[in-house]
Amino acid sequence: MSRFSIVAACLALAACKGSTRGQRFCDENLSGLWLNSTDKHYAYSFRDDGGVVEGEFMERSEDGGLTKPAERIAFDLKRSAGSVAGVMKSTGTTPGGKTCPVEFTTRISDCKPDALQIVVEMSAQVGEDCKRLTAPDGGGYPPDLSEFRLERERR
C-alpha cells in the first residue's frame, strides 16, 4: 500500500467517524414553548439541557397568555442515541375516588426544528394502592396511546 493510500484511508476513516460523532435522535434544542397544532390553546413549555428535557403543560389564551392548569402535568424525557423518551407525570383517580400520582409513557417519534410528533399514553388503570392494575393473566394492559403534533411558537 502506498503512502498516499494509507493517508487517504486514514482521512476517509476520520471523515466517517466525524460524521457520526455527536449525532443522536433529535439533536435539536427543544427549549421554549410548543403549541398543539390541532388546538393552539394547549401549550407545552420545555427546558432542554442536552440530555434531559423537562417540561410542563400550560393553557394558552387567545392573547398568548399562559396559565398553569389546576392539576400539574409535567414531562421528564431523556435523550439516547435512538430516542427522546420518558414520562408525563400527572394524577389519576381510582374507582374508590383516591387521587394517585401516575406516570404515562411518552416519546418523541419525529423531530424537526419547528415541529415534533409526540406519542403519549393517555390513560392507565390504577388500583386503590395507587399501582397500575395487571391483567388477569398477570401481564400489563395494552397502553392507550395518542400521537400529537407540536409546533414551536413563533414570536
Protein backbone atom coordinates (compact mmCIF):
# COMPACT_ATOMS: atom_id res chain seq x y z
CA MET A 1 0.00 0.00 0.00
CA SER A 2 1.47 3.34 -0.97
CA ARG A 3 1.93 6.17 1.50
CA PHE A 4 -0.82 8.11 -0.34
CA SER A 5 -3.26 5.18 0.05
CA ILE A 6 -2.58 4.98 3.78
CA VAL A 7 -3.13 8.73 4.24
CA ALA A 8 -6.31 8.63 2.11
CA ALA A 9 -7.64 5.66 4.09
CA CYS A 10 -6.97 7.45 7.41
CA LEU A 11 -8.68 10.62 6.18
CA ALA A 12 -11.70 8.65 4.95
CA LEU A 13 -11.97 6.81 8.27
CA ALA A 14 -11.70 10.08 10.20
CA ALA A 15 -14.38 11.68 7.99
CA CYS A 16 -16.73 8.76 8.59
CA LYS A 17 -16.19 8.83 12.33
CA GLY A 18 -16.53 12.61 12.39
CA SER A 19 -19.81 12.50 10.52
CA THR A 20 -21.47 10.33 13.20
CA ARG A 21 -19.88 11.93 16.25
CA GLY A 22 -22.48 13.66 18.35
CA GLN A 23 -25.35 12.51 16.17
CA ARG A 24 -28.33 11.22 18.04
CA PHE A 25 -32.04 11.22 17.63
CA CYS A 26 -33.45 14.76 17.88
CA ASP A 27 -30.34 16.84 18.39
CA GLU A 28 -32.49 20.00 18.31
CA ASN A 29 -32.65 22.22 21.38
CA LEU A 30 -36.27 21.77 22.43
CA SER A 31 -36.31 24.63 24.97
CA GLY A 32 -39.20 27.00 24.54
CA LEU A 33 -42.93 26.99 24.04
CA TRP A 34 -44.59 24.38 21.82
CA LEU A 35 -48.24 24.52 20.70
CA ASN A 36 -50.52 21.63 19.87
CA SER A 37 -51.16 22.02 16.12
CA THR A 38 -54.77 20.83 16.49
CA ASP A 39 -55.63 23.30 19.26
CA LYS A 40 -53.23 26.19 19.97
CA HIS A 41 -54.81 26.58 23.44
CA TYR A 42 -52.71 23.60 24.54
CA ALA A 43 -49.10 24.60 25.12
CA TYR A 44 -46.03 22.84 26.43
CA SER A 45 -43.06 24.64 27.94
CA PHE A 46 -39.81 22.64 27.64
CA ARG A 47 -36.34 23.15 29.15
CA ASP A 48 -33.62 21.19 27.36
CA ASP A 49 -30.14 20.76 28.83
CA GLY A 50 -28.96 18.48 26.03
CA GLY A 51 -29.55 15.22 27.88
CA VAL A 52 -32.79 15.78 29.76
CA VAL A 53 -35.91 17.57 28.54
CA GLU A 54 -38.20 18.74 31.33
CA GLY A 55 -41.46 20.48 30.75
CA GLU A 56 -45.00 21.17 31.72
CA PHE A 57 -48.39 21.52 30.16
CA MET A 58 -49.84 25.03 30.07
CA GLU A 59 -53.10 26.52 28.89
CA ARG A 60 -52.75 29.33 26.34
CA SER A 61 -55.31 32.09 25.88
CA GLU A 62 -56.16 33.86 22.61
CA ASP A 63 -53.83 36.74 23.55
CA GLY A 64 -50.94 34.29 24.09
CA GLY A 65 -51.08 34.41 27.90
CA LEU A 66 -50.17 31.19 29.69
CA THR A 67 -51.70 29.69 32.82
CA LYS A 68 -50.91 26.52 34.69
CA PRO A 69 -53.85 24.13 34.98
CA ALA A 70 -55.21 23.22 38.41
CA GLU A 71 -53.67 19.76 38.05
CA ARG A 72 -49.95 19.91 37.23
CA ILE A 73 -48.84 17.86 34.23
CA ALA A 74 -45.05 17.56 33.91
CA PHE A 75 -42.72 15.90 31.43
CA ASP A 76 -39.42 14.17 32.18
CA LEU A 77 -37.75 12.92 28.99
CA LYS A 78 -34.22 11.65 28.46
CA ARG A 79 -32.16 11.57 25.28
CA SER A 80 -30.44 8.48 23.99
CA ALA A 81 -28.85 7.62 20.67
CA GLY A 82 -32.18 6.38 19.32
CA SER A 83 -34.90 8.28 21.17
CA VAL A 84 -36.15 11.04 23.39
CA ALA A 85 -38.45 9.25 25.81
CA GLY A 86 -39.65 9.19 29.37
CA VAL A 87 -42.83 10.01 31.21
CA MET A 88 -45.60 12.53 31.56
CA LYS A 89 -46.40 12.90 35.27
CA SER A 90 -49.95 13.61 36.32
CA THR A 91 -52.57 12.21 38.66
CA GLY A 92 -55.36 9.70 38.28
CA THR A 93 -58.40 8.77 40.31
CA THR A 94 -59.05 5.24 41.47
CA PRO A 95 -62.54 3.68 41.26
CA GLY A 96 -62.84 4.43 45.01
CA GLY A 97 -62.07 8.14 44.46
CA LYS A 98 -58.48 8.23 45.71
CA THR A 99 -56.14 10.56 43.80
CA CYS A 100 -52.82 8.94 42.89
CA PRO A 101 -49.69 10.08 41.05
CA VAL A 102 -49.45 8.37 37.65
CA GLU A 103 -46.65 8.29 35.09
CA PHE A 104 -47.61 7.93 31.44
CA THR A 105 -45.16 6.66 28.83
CA THR A 106 -44.12 9.45 26.45
CA ARG A 107 -41.74 9.58 23.50
CA ILE A 108 -40.92 11.88 20.62
CA SER A 109 -41.42 9.93 17.40
CA ASP A 110 -40.29 12.63 14.94
CA CYS A 111 -38.22 15.73 15.49
CA LYS A 112 -37.70 18.78 13.30
CA PRO A 113 -36.50 22.27 14.30
CA ASP A 114 -40.05 23.66 14.44
CA ALA A 115 -42.26 20.54 14.72
CA LEU A 116 -42.44 17.45 16.91
CA GLN A 117 -44.53 14.30 16.77
CA ILE A 118 -45.05 13.04 20.30
CA VAL A 119 -46.67 9.77 21.37
CA VAL A 120 -48.28 9.86 24.81
CA GLU A 121 -50.04 7.24 26.89
CA MET A 122 -53.40 8.81 27.70
CA SER A 123 -54.83 6.67 30.49
CA ALA A 124 -53.90 3.98 32.98
CA GLN A 125 -55.91 1.73 35.24
CA VAL A 126 -54.82 2.31 38.84
CA GLY A 127 -55.83 0.36 41.96
CA GLU A 128 -56.58 1.72 45.44
CA ASP A 129 -52.89 1.18 46.29
CA CYS A 130 -52.00 3.68 43.51
CA LYS A 131 -50.26 0.94 41.50
CA ARG A 132 -51.16 0.06 37.94
CA LEU A 133 -53.55 -2.83 37.67
CA THR A 134 -52.43 -6.00 35.97
CA ALA A 135 -54.48 -8.03 33.54
CA PRO A 136 -55.96 -11.35 34.72
CA ASP A 137 -53.08 -13.19 33.00
CA GLY A 138 -50.58 -11.23 35.13
CA GLY A 139 -49.34 -9.02 32.29
CA GLY A 140 -49.95 -5.36 31.75
CA TYR A 141 -52.88 -3.82 29.95
CA PRO A 142 -52.11 -2.53 26.45
CA PRO A 143 -51.28 1.18 26.50
CA ASP A 144 -53.83 3.77 25.35
CA LEU A 145 -51.58 5.83 23.05
CA SER A 146 -52.28 9.04 21.14
CA GLU A 147 -49.98 10.96 18.83
CA PHE A 148 -49.82 14.74 18.69
CA ARG A 149 -48.01 17.25 16.51
CA LEU A 150 -46.45 20.17 18.34
CA GLU A 151 -45.23 23.33 16.63
CA ARG A 152 -42.67 25.71 18.08
CA GLU A 153 -44.27 29.03 18.98
CA ARG A 154 -43.16 31.78 16.62
CA ARG A 155 -42.79 35.21 18.11
